[in-house]
Amino acid sequence: MNQNDNDDDDDIEKWAKERDHTILSIQSLYLHIFKLSNAMNVMIHFPSILNRPPPLTTSQ
């Protein structure tokens, strides 16, 4: 009985570590998607930011 309890504790500990790792992976994935979608929004809505003409010189 006591050995089974220890096995259960080990399983719970292992599961908790896997769960934490999965949560971190999902958070990091969402962060990358968020950054990517922000970059896409900038490219779609403000194309002039990406291909701005060179600044005008004062000798006109």
PDB file of N, CA and C in Angstrom:
ATOM      1  N   MET A   1       0.842  -1.201   0.000  1.00  0.00           N
ATOM      2  CA  MET A   1       0.000   0.000   0.000  1.00  0.00           C
ATOM      3  C   MET A   1       0.878   1.253   0.000  1.00  0.00           C
ATOM      4  N   ASN A   2       1.879   1.260   0.882  1.00  0.00           N
ATOM      5  CA  ASN A   2       2.738   2.430   0.967  1.00  0.00           C
ATOM      6  C   ASN A   2       3.530   2.626  -0.331  1.00  0.00           C
ATOM      7  N   GLN A   3       3.979   1.528  -0.939  1.00  0.00           N
ATOM      8  CA  GLN A   3       4.726   1.623  -2.200  1.00  0.00           C
ATOM      9  C   GLN A   3       3.844   2.237  -3.295  1.00  0.00           C
ATOM     10  N   ASN A   4       2.583   1.846  -3.316  1.00  0.00           N
ATOM     11  CA  ASN A   4       1.658   2.404  -4.306  1.00  0.00           C
ATOM     12  C   ASN A   4       1.482   3.899  -4.107  1.00  0.00           C
ATOM     13  N   ASP A   5       1.411   4.328  -2.847  1.00  0.00           N
ATOM     14  CA  ASP A   5       1.284   5.757  -2.566  1.00  0.00           C
ATOM     15  C   ASP A   5       2.483   6.517  -3.125  1.00  0.00           C
ATOM     16  N   ASN A   6       3.680   5.962  -2.934  1.00  0.00           N
ATOM     17  CA  ASN A   6       4.881   6.617  -3.453  1.00  0.00           C
ATOM     18  C   ASN A   6       4.845   6.694  -4.973  1.00  0.00           C
ATOM     19  N   ASP A   7       4.391   5.619  -5.603  1.00  0.00           N
ATOM     20  CA  ASP A   7       4.288   5.621  -7.061  1.00  0.00           C
ATOM     21  C   ASP A   7       3.317   6.700  -7.519  1.00  0.00           C
ATOM     22  N   ASP A   8       2.211   6.818  -6.808  1.00  0.00           N
ATOM     23  CA  ASP A   8       1.226   7.842  -7.160  1.00  0.00           C
ATOM     24  C   ASP A   8       1.837   9.234  -7.033  1.00  0.00           C
ATOM     25  N   ASP A   9       2.597   9.459  -5.956  1.00  0.00           N
ATOM     26  CA  ASP A   9       3.233  10.766  -5.763  1.00  0.00           C
ATOM     27  C   ASP A   9       4.208  11.054  -6.913  1.00  0.00           C
ATOM     28  N   ASP A  10       4.980  10.035  -7.302  1.00  0.00           N
ATOM     29  CA  ASP A  10       5.925  10.215  -8.407  1.00  0.00           C
ATOM     30  C   ASP A  10       5.180  10.558  -9.693  1.00  0.00           C
ATOM     31  N   ASP A  11       4.058   9.857  -9.928  1.00  0.00           N
ATOM     32  CA  ASP A  11       3.271  10.125 -11.134  1.00  0.00           C
ATOM     33  C   ASP A  11       2.728  11.548 -11.115  1.00  0.00           C
ATOM     34  N   ILE A  12       2.250  11.978  -9.950  1.00  0.00           N
ATOM     35  CA  ILE A  12       1.701  13.331  -9.833  1.00  0.00           C
ATOM     36  C   ILE A  12       2.798  14.361 -10.083  1.00  0.00           C
ATOM     37  N   GLU A  13       3.986  14.114  -9.523  1.00  0.00           N
ATOM     38  CA  GLU A  13       5.099  15.035  -9.699  1.00  0.00           C
ATOM     39  C   GLU A  13       5.489  15.113 -11.173  1.00  0.00           C
ATOM     40  N   LYS A  14       5.562  13.947 -11.819  1.00  0.00           N
ATOM     41  CA  LYS A  14       5.929  13.896 -13.230  1.00  0.00           C
ATOM     42  C   LYS A  14       4.882  14.637 -14.061  1.00  0.00           C
ATOM     43  N   TRP A  15       3.616  14.403 -13.740  1.00  0.00           N
ATOM     44  CA  TRP A  15       2.524  15.051 -14.481  1.00  0.00           C
ATOM     45  C   TRP A  15       2.592  16.563 -14.311  1.00  0.00           C
ATOM     46  N   ALA A  16       2.900  17.009 -13.071  1.00  0.00           N
ATOM     47  CA  ALA A  16       2.966  18.454 -12.806  1.00  0.00           C
ATOM     48  C   ALA A  16       4.087  19.087 -13.619  1.00  0.00           C
ATOM     49  N   LYS A  17       5.235  18.398 -13.708  1.00  0.00           N
ATOM     50  CA  LYS A  17       6.348  18.951 -14.488  1.00  0.00           C
ATOM     51  C   LYS A  17       5.973  19.030 -15.959  1.00  0.00           C
ATOM     52  N   GLU A  18       5.335  17.979 -16.476  1.00  0.00           N
ATOM     53  CA  GLU A  18       4.926  17.992 -17.882  1.00  0.00           C
ATOM     54  C   GLU A  18       3.906  19.092 -18.125  1.00  0.00           C
ATOM     55  N   ARG A  19       2.991  19.256 -17.179  1.00  0.00           N
ATOM     56  CA  ARG A  19       1.960  20.292 -17.326  1.00  0.00           C
ATOM     57  C   ARG A  19       2.598  21.674 -17.362  1.00  0.00           C
ATOM     58  N   ASP A  20       3.544  21.935 -16.443  1.00  0.00           N
ATOM     59  CA  ASP A  20       4.210  23.234 -16.416  1.00  0.00           C
ATOM     60  C   ASP A  20       4.945  23.478 -17.727  1.00  0.00           C
ATOM     61  N   HIS A  21       5.617  22.452 -18.228  1.00  0.00           N
ATOM     62  CA  HIS A  21       6.357  22.595 -19.487  1.00  0.00           C
ATOM     63  C   HIS A  21       5.389  22.896 -20.631  1.00  0.00           C
ATOM     64  N   THR A  22       4.247  22.209 -20.635  1.00  0.00           N
ATOM     65  CA  THR A  22       3.254  22.429 -21.687  1.00  0.00           C
ATOM     66  C   THR A  22       2.699  23.842 -21.614  1.00  0.00           C
ATOM     67  N   ILE A  23       2.414  24.317 -20.400  1.00  0.00           N
ATOM     68  CA  ILE A  23       1.882  25.672 -20.233  1.00  0.00           C
ATOM     69  C   ILE A  23       2.894  26.687 -20.755  1.00  0.00           C
ATOM     70  N   LEU A  24       4.179  26.509 -20.418  1.00  0.00           N
ATOM     71  CA  LEU A  24       5.200  27.441 -20.889  1.00  0.00           C
ATOM     72  C   LEU A  24       5.295  27.403 -22.411  1.00  0.00           C
ATOM     73  N   SER A  25       5.211  26.215 -22.990  1.00  0.00           N
ATOM     74  CA  SER A  25       5.290  26.094 -24.445  1.00  0.00           C
ATOM     75  C   SER A  25       4.125  26.816 -25.106  1.00  0.00           C
ATOM     76  N   ILE A  26       2.930  26.637 -24.550  1.00  0.00           N
ATOM     77  CA  ILE A  26       1.746  27.280 -25.128  1.00  0.00           C
ATOM     78  C   ILE A  26       1.851  28.797 -24.996  1.00  0.00           C
ATOM     79  N   GLN A  27       2.310  29.273 -23.836  1.00  0.00           N
ATOM     80  CA  GLN A  27       2.462  30.720 -23.653  1.00  0.00           C
ATOM     81  C   GLN A  27       3.452  31.282 -24.657  1.00  0.00           C
ATOM     82  N   SER A  28       4.564  30.581 -24.849  1.00  0.00           N
ATOM     83  CA  SER A  28       5.579  31.066 -25.774  1.00  0.00           C
ATOM     84  C   SER A  28       5.037  31.044 -27.203  1.00  0.00           C
ATOM     85  N   LEU A  29       4.261  30.017 -27.525  1.00  0.00           N
ATOM     86  CA  LEU A  29       3.651  29.937 -28.860  1.00  0.00           C
ATOM     87  C   LEU A  29       2.706  31.112 -29.081  1.00  0.00           C
ATOM     88  N   TYR A  30       1.857  31.393 -28.089  1.00  0.00           N
ATOM     89  CA  TYR A  30       0.924  32.510 -28.225  1.00  0.00           C
ATOM     90  C   TYR A  30       1.676  33.827 -28.369  1.00  0.00           C
ATOM     91  N   LEU A  31       2.781  33.978 -27.629  1.00  0.00           N
ATOM     92  CA  LEU A  31       3.559  35.205 -27.718  1.00  0.00           C
ATOM     93  C   LEU A  31       4.116  35.379 -29.131  1.00  0.00           C
ATOM     94  N   HIS A  32       4.647  34.288 -29.710  1.00  0.00           N
ATOM     95  CA  HIS A  32       5.184  34.370 -31.065  1.00  0.00           C
ATOM     96  C   HIS A  32       4.080  34.705 -32.060  1.00  0.00           C
ATOM     97  N   ILE A  33       2.918  34.078 -31.901  1.00  0.00           N
ATOM     98  CA  ILE A  33       1.799  34.356 -32.810  1.00  0.00           C
ATOM     99  C   ILE A  33       1.384  35.814 -32.677  1.00  0.00           C
ATOM    100  N   PHE A  34       1.345  36.311 -31.441  1.00  0.00           N
ATOM    101  CA  PHE A  34       0.950  37.705 -31.199  1.00  0.00           C
ATOM    102  C   PHE A  34       1.928  38.663 -31.868  1.00  0.00           C
ATOM    103  N   LYS A  35       3.227  38.407 -31.697  1.00  0.00           N
ATOM    104  CA  LYS A  35       4.238  39.274 -32.313  1.00  0.00           C
ATOM    105  C   LYS A  35       4.123  39.218 -33.832  1.00  0.00           C
ATOM    106  N   LEU A  36       3.934  38.011 -34.362  1.00  0.00           N
ATOM    107  CA  LEU A  36       3.833  37.842 -35.806  1.00  0.00           C
ATOM    108  C   LEU A  36       2.607  38.566 -36.343  1.00  0.00           C
ATOM    109  N   SER A  37       1.477  38.449 -35.643  1.00  0.00           N
ATOM    110  CA  SER A  37       0.258  39.101 -36.127  1.00  0.00           C
ATOM    111  C   SER A  37       0.409  40.617 -36.060  1.00  0.00           C
ATOM    112  N   ASN A  38       1.115  41.125 -35.045  1.00  0.00           N
ATOM    113  CA  ASN A  38       1.367  42.563 -34.986  1.00  0.00           C
ATOM    114  C   ASN A  38       2.203  43.006 -36.177  1.00  0.00           C
ATOM    115  N   ALA A  39       3.241  42.232 -36.489  1.00  0.00           N
ATOM    116  CA  ALA A  39       4.084  42.575 -37.636  1.00  0.00           C
ATOM    117  C   ALA A  39       3.278  42.530 -38.929  1.00  0.00           C
ATOM    118  N   MET A  40       2.406  41.538 -39.059  1.00  0.00           N
ATOM    119  CA  MET A  40       1.578  41.434 -40.260  1.00  0.00           C
ATOM    120  C   MET A  40       0.640  42.630 -40.354  1.00  0.00           C
ATOM    121  N   ASN A  41       0.050  43.037 -39.236  1.00  0.00           N
ATOM    122  CA  ASN A  41      -0.841  44.200 -39.244  1.00  0.00           C
ATOM    123  C   ASN A  41      -0.093  45.441 -39.703  1.00  0.00           C
ATOM    124  N   VAL A  42       1.119  45.608 -39.209  1.00  0.00           N
ATOM    125  CA  VAL A  42       1.909  46.777 -39.607  1.00  0.00           C
ATOM    126  C   VAL A  42       2.153  46.727 -41.109  1.00  0.00           C
ATOM    127  N   MET A  43       2.512  45.560 -41.636  1.00  0.00           N
ATOM    128  CA  MET A  43       2.825  45.457 -43.062  1.00  0.00           C
ATOM    129  C   MET A  43       1.579  45.667 -43.917  1.00  0.00           C
ATOM    130  N   ILE A  44       0.425  45.202 -43.420  1.00  0.00           N
ATOM    131  CA  ILE A  44      -0.790  45.312 -44.222  1.00  0.00           C
ATOM    132  C   ILE A  44      -1.317  46.743 -44.196  1.00  0.00           C
ATOM    133  N   HIS A  45      -1.343  47.348 -43.026  1.00  0.00           N
ATOM    134  CA  HIS A  45      -2.014  48.639 -42.896  1.00  0.00           C
ATOM    135  C   HIS A  45      -1.087  49.826 -43.149  1.00  0.00           C
ATOM    136  N   PHE A  46       0.209  49.641 -42.957  1.00  0.00           N
ATOM    137  CA  PHE A  46       1.131  50.756 -43.131  1.00  0.00           C
ATOM    138  C   PHE A  46       2.274  50.364 -44.063  1.00  0.00           C
ATOM    139  N   PRO A  47       1.985  50.053 -45.327  1.00  0.00           N
ATOM    140  CA  PRO A  47       3.083  49.659 -46.220  1.00  0.00           C
ATOM    141  C   PRO A  47       4.070  50.793 -46.434  1.00  0.00           C
ATOM    142  N   SER A  48       3.611  52.050 -46.245  1.00  0.00           N
ATOM    143  CA  SER A  48       4.508  53.184 -46.474  1.00  0.00           C
ATOM    144  C   SER A  48       5.640  53.211 -45.449  1.00  0.00           C
ATOM    145  N   ILE A  49       5.413  52.601 -44.271  1.00  0.00           N
ATOM    146  CA  ILE A  49       6.477  52.547 -43.259  1.00  0.00           C
ATOM    147  C   ILE A  49       7.635  51.702 -43.777  1.00  0.00           C
ATOM    148  N   LEU A  50       7.305  50.622 -44.502  1.00  0.00           N
ATOM    149  CA  LEU A  50       8.342  49.681 -44.923  1.00  0.00           C
ATOM    150  C   LEU A  50       9.129  50.206 -46.113  1.00  0.00           C
ATOM    151  N   ASN A  51       8.441  50.847 -47.075  1.00  0.00           N
ATOM    152  CA  ASN A  51       9.191  51.366 -48.236  1.00  0.00           C
ATOM    153  C   ASN A  51       9.022  52.870 -48.319  1.00  0.00           C
ATOM    154  N   ARG A  52       9.551  53.531 -47.319  1.00  0.00           N
ATOM    155  CA  ARG A  52       9.518  54.997 -47.254  1.00  0.00           C
ATOM    156  C   ARG A  52      10.542  55.556 -48.238  1.00  0.00           C
ATOM    157  N   PRO A  53      10.218  56.610 -48.939  1.00  0.00           N
ATOM    158  CA  PRO A  53      11.244  57.229 -49.785  1.00  0.00           C
ATOM    159  C   PRO A  53      12.322  57.874 -48.920  1.00  0.00           C
ATOM    160  N   PRO A  54      13.512  58.067 -49.456  1.00  0.00           N
ATOM    161  CA  PRO A  54      14.566  58.714 -48.653  1.00  0.00           C
ATOM    162  C   PRO A  54      14.138  60.116 -48.269  1.00  0.00           C
ATOM    163  N   PRO A  55      14.611  60.633 -47.155  1.00  0.00           N
ATOM    164  CA  PRO A  55      14.209  61.982 -46.720  1.00  0.00           C
ATOM    165  C   PRO A  55      14.612  63.027 -47.748  1.00  0.00           C
ATOM    166  N   LEU A  56      13.781  64.026 -47.883  1.00  0.00           N
ATOM    167  CA  LEU A  56      14.043  65.078 -48.873  1.00  0.00           C
ATOM    168  C   LEU A  56      15.214  65.941 -48.417  1.00  0.00           C
ATOM    169  N   THR A  57      16.042  66.327 -49.389  1.00  0.00           N
ATOM    170  CA  THR A  57      17.171  67.205 -49.054  1.00  0.00           C
ATOM    171  C   THR A  57      16.684  68.654 -49.102  1.00  0.00           C
ATOM    172  N   THR A  58      17.411  69.523 -48.450  1.00  0.00           N
ATOM    173  CA  THR A  58      16.981  70.930 -48.366  1.00  0.00           C
ATOM    174  C   THR A  58      17.414  71.729 -49.583  1.00  0.00           C
ATOM    175  N   SER A  59      18.212  71.137 -50.474  1.00  0.00           N
ATOM    176  CA  SER A  59      18.694  71.892 -51.648  1.00  0.00           C
ATOM    177  C   SER A  59      17.675  71.788 -52.775  1.00  0.00           C
ATOM    178  N   GLN A  60      16.646  72.613 -52.688  1.00  0.00           N
ATOM    179  CA  GLN A  60      15.624  72.586 -53.748  1.00  0.00           C
ATOM    180  C   GLN A  60      15.565  73.923 -54.446  1.00  0.00           C
TER     181      GLN A  60
END
